[in-house]
Amino acid sequence: MLDAEVHRRIVYGDEDALAEVYTSYSRMVFTVALRVIRDPGAAEDVTQDVFAYLWDRPLSFDPGRGTCAGGWACWRTGGRLTESGPSSGTATSRTSRGWPPPS
């Protein structure tokens, strides 16, 4: 769950908080992306982009509307899959992290 405290930490740039969310939900995001695009490399790119989006736009998740980060991650994955290409410019200097592939 992405509770208000973890969300607040992400808003203030706490990379460990983002890592907690990534560890909890990256496998689910990767699986959804892989089922749709059937390309493991592209699914990894989508996974990275979803969490880069949260890092760059932490206010896109509103903990006042619910605490289920999994629901937010699935919603963002669907949105990401409808965009053109797996890396359509969501990464910024704040997202250049070299995160590991989902495990």
C-alpha atoms as a PDB file:
ATOM      1  CA  MET A   1       0.000   0.000   0.000  1.00  0.00           C
ATOM      2  CA  LEU A   2       1.164   3.503  -0.774  1.00  0.00           C
ATOM      3  CA  ASP A   3       0.101   5.182   2.404  1.00  0.00           C
ATOM      4  CA  ALA A   4       0.155   8.904   3.032  1.00  0.00           C
ATOM      5  CA  GLU A   5       3.523   8.740   4.801  1.00  0.00           C
ATOM      6  CA  VAL A   6       5.314   6.907   1.972  1.00  0.00           C
ATOM      7  CA  HIS A   7       3.647   9.243  -0.531  1.00  0.00           C
ATOM      8  CA  ARG A   8       4.810  12.286   1.453  1.00  0.00           C
ATOM      9  CA  ARG A   9       8.355  10.902   1.454  1.00  0.00           C
ATOM     10  CA  ILE A  10       8.240  10.496  -2.346  1.00  0.00           C
ATOM     11  CA  VAL A  11       6.921  14.054  -2.744  1.00  0.00           C
ATOM     12  CA  TYR A  12       9.947  15.262  -0.768  1.00  0.00           C
ATOM     13  CA  GLY A  13      12.380  13.245  -2.890  1.00  0.00           C
ATOM     14  CA  ASP A  14      13.061  10.224  -0.664  1.00  0.00           C
ATOM     15  CA  GLU A  15      14.472   7.613  -3.029  1.00  0.00           C
ATOM     16  CA  ASP A  16      14.099   4.891  -0.402  1.00  0.00           C
ATOM     17  CA  ALA A  17      10.343   5.482  -0.354  1.00  0.00           C
ATOM     18  CA  LEU A  18      10.189   5.085  -4.115  1.00  0.00           C
ATOM     19  CA  ALA A  19      12.285   1.932  -3.826  1.00  0.00           C
ATOM     20  CA  GLU A  20       9.731   0.505  -1.356  1.00  0.00           C
ATOM     21  CA  VAL A  21       6.894   1.109  -3.810  1.00  0.00           C
ATOM     22  CA  TYR A  22       8.976  -0.216  -6.729  1.00  0.00           C
ATOM     23  CA  THR A  23       9.824  -3.387  -4.805  1.00  0.00           C
ATOM     24  CA  SER A  24       6.166  -3.943  -3.952  1.00  0.00           C
ATOM     25  CA  TYR A  25       4.618  -3.266  -7.366  1.00  0.00           C
ATOM     26  CA  SER A  26       7.205  -3.559 -10.149  1.00  0.00           C
ATOM     27  CA  ARG A  27       6.496  -7.245 -10.756  1.00  0.00           C
ATOM     28  CA  MET A  28       2.778  -6.569 -11.181  1.00  0.00           C
ATOM     29  CA  VAL A  29       3.401  -3.664 -13.563  1.00  0.00           C
ATOM     30  CA  PHE A  30       5.884  -5.739 -15.579  1.00  0.00           C
ATOM     31  CA  THR A  31       3.418  -8.647 -15.818  1.00  0.00           C
ATOM     32  CA  VAL A  32       0.582  -6.412 -17.040  1.00  0.00           C
ATOM     33  CA  ALA A  33       2.856  -4.750 -19.599  1.00  0.00           C
ATOM     34  CA  LEU A  34       4.262  -8.084 -20.787  1.00  0.00           C
ATOM     35  CA  ARG A  35       0.799  -9.549 -21.297  1.00  0.00           C
ATOM     36  CA  VAL A  36      -0.136  -6.603 -23.496  1.00  0.00           C
ATOM     37  CA  ILE A  37       3.017  -6.023 -25.542  1.00  0.00           C
ATOM     38  CA  ARG A  38       4.631  -9.502 -25.377  1.00  0.00           C
ATOM     39  CA  ASP A  39       8.156  -8.104 -25.434  1.00  0.00           C
ATOM     40  CA  PRO A  40      10.163  -8.449 -22.193  1.00  0.00           C
ATOM     41  CA  GLY A  41      12.509  -5.574 -23.015  1.00  0.00           C
ATOM     42  CA  ALA A  42       9.674  -3.214 -23.829  1.00  0.00           C
ATOM     43  CA  ALA A  43       7.778  -4.382 -20.725  1.00  0.00           C
ATOM     44  CA  GLU A  44      10.836  -3.502 -18.607  1.00  0.00           C
ATOM     45  CA  ASP A  45      10.873  -0.047 -20.236  1.00  0.00           C
ATOM     46  CA  VAL A  46       7.193   0.439 -19.441  1.00  0.00           C
ATOM     47  CA  THR A  47       7.815  -0.661 -15.849  1.00  0.00           C
ATOM     48  CA  GLN A  48      10.611   1.866 -15.470  1.00  0.00           C
ATOM     49  CA  ASP A  49       8.449   4.583 -17.030  1.00  0.00           C
ATOM     50  CA  VAL A  50       5.537   3.947 -14.666  1.00  0.00           C
ATOM     51  CA  PHE A  51       7.720   4.452 -11.596  1.00  0.00           C
ATOM     52  CA  ALA A  52       9.593   7.342 -13.206  1.00  0.00           C
ATOM     53  CA  TYR A  53       6.191   8.960 -13.693  1.00  0.00           C
ATOM     54  CA  LEU A  54       5.418   8.581  -9.969  1.00  0.00           C
ATOM     55  CA  TRP A  55       8.826  10.036  -9.107  1.00  0.00           C
ATOM     56  CA  ASP A  56       8.439  12.980 -11.494  1.00  0.00           C
ATOM     57  CA  ARG A  57       4.767  13.578 -10.739  1.00  0.00           C
ATOM     58  CA  PRO A  58       4.147  12.315  -7.209  1.00  0.00           C
ATOM     59  CA  LEU A  59       0.956  14.340  -6.949  1.00  0.00           C
ATOM     60  CA  SER A  60      -0.553  12.176  -9.711  1.00  0.00           C
ATOM     61  CA  PHE A  61      -1.281   9.730  -6.898  1.00  0.00           C
ATOM     62  CA  ASP A  62      -3.781  11.158  -4.439  1.00  0.00           C
ATOM     63  CA  PRO A  63      -3.761   9.201  -1.168  1.00  0.00           C
ATOM     64  CA  GLY A  64      -7.002  10.972  -0.261  1.00  0.00           C
ATOM     65  CA  ARG A  65      -8.745   8.979  -3.005  1.00  0.00           C
ATOM     66  CA  GLY A  66      -7.500   5.630  -1.710  1.00  0.00           C
ATOM     67  CA  THR A  67      -4.321   3.939  -0.585  1.00  0.00           C
ATOM     68  CA  CYS A  68      -3.958   1.278  -3.231  1.00  0.00           C
ATOM     69  CA  ALA A  69      -0.767   1.998  -5.138  1.00  0.00           C
ATOM     70  CA  GLY A  70      -1.369  -1.220  -7.071  1.00  0.00           C
ATOM     71  CA  GLY A  71      -4.527   0.268  -8.554  1.00  0.00           C
ATOM     72  CA  TRP A  72      -2.671   3.471  -9.399  1.00  0.00           C
ATOM     73  CA  ALA A  73       0.196   1.470 -10.935  1.00  0.00           C
ATOM     74  CA  CYS A  74      -2.192  -0.567 -13.107  1.00  0.00           C
ATOM     75  CA  TRP A  75      -3.979   2.625 -14.183  1.00  0.00           C
ATOM     76  CA  ARG A  76      -0.656   4.268 -15.079  1.00  0.00           C
ATOM     77  CA  THR A  77       0.555   1.122 -16.867  1.00  0.00           C
ATOM     78  CA  GLY A  78      -2.543   1.160 -19.057  1.00  0.00           C
ATOM     79  CA  GLY A  79      -1.990   4.821 -19.793  1.00  0.00           C
ATOM     80  CA  ARG A  80       1.666   4.205 -20.559  1.00  0.00           C
ATOM     81  CA  LEU A  81       0.806   1.358 -22.930  1.00  0.00           C
ATOM     82  CA  THR A  82      -1.487   3.632 -24.929  1.00  0.00           C
ATOM     83  CA  GLU A  83       1.264   6.218 -25.407  1.00  0.00           C
ATOM     84  CA  SER A  84       3.615   6.016 -28.364  1.00  0.00           C
ATOM     85  CA  GLY A  85       6.555   3.710 -27.638  1.00  0.00           C
ATOM     86  CA  PRO A  86       7.883   2.462 -24.329  1.00  0.00           C
ATOM     87  CA  SER A  87      10.022   5.508 -23.565  1.00  0.00           C
ATOM     88  CA  SER A  88       8.139   8.566 -24.703  1.00  0.00           C
ATOM     89  CA  GLY A  89      10.088  11.046 -22.659  1.00  0.00           C
ATOM     90  CA  THR A  90       8.881  10.428 -19.115  1.00  0.00           C
ATOM     91  CA  ALA A  91      12.396  10.131 -17.738  1.00  0.00           C
ATOM     92  CA  THR A  92      14.041  13.299 -16.404  1.00  0.00           C
ATOM     93  CA  SER A  93      17.141  14.036 -14.384  1.00  0.00           C
ATOM     94  CA  ARG A  94      15.258  12.978 -11.255  1.00  0.00           C
ATOM     95  CA  THR A  95      14.524   9.565 -12.796  1.00  0.00           C
ATOM     96  CA  SER A  96      17.946   8.590 -14.083  1.00  0.00           C
ATOM     97  CA  ARG A  97      18.336   5.857 -11.502  1.00  0.00           C
ATOM     98  CA  GLY A  98      19.352   2.612 -13.197  1.00  0.00           C
ATOM     99  CA  TRP A  99      16.700   0.664 -11.282  1.00  0.00           C
ATOM    100  CA  PRO A 100      16.979  -3.090 -11.567  1.00  0.00           C
ATOM    101  CA  PRO A 101      14.529  -5.089 -13.653  1.00  0.00           C
ATOM    102  CA  PRO A 102      11.487  -6.333 -11.734  1.00  0.00           C
ATOM    103  CA  SER A 103      12.209  -9.552  -9.860  1.00  0.00           C
END
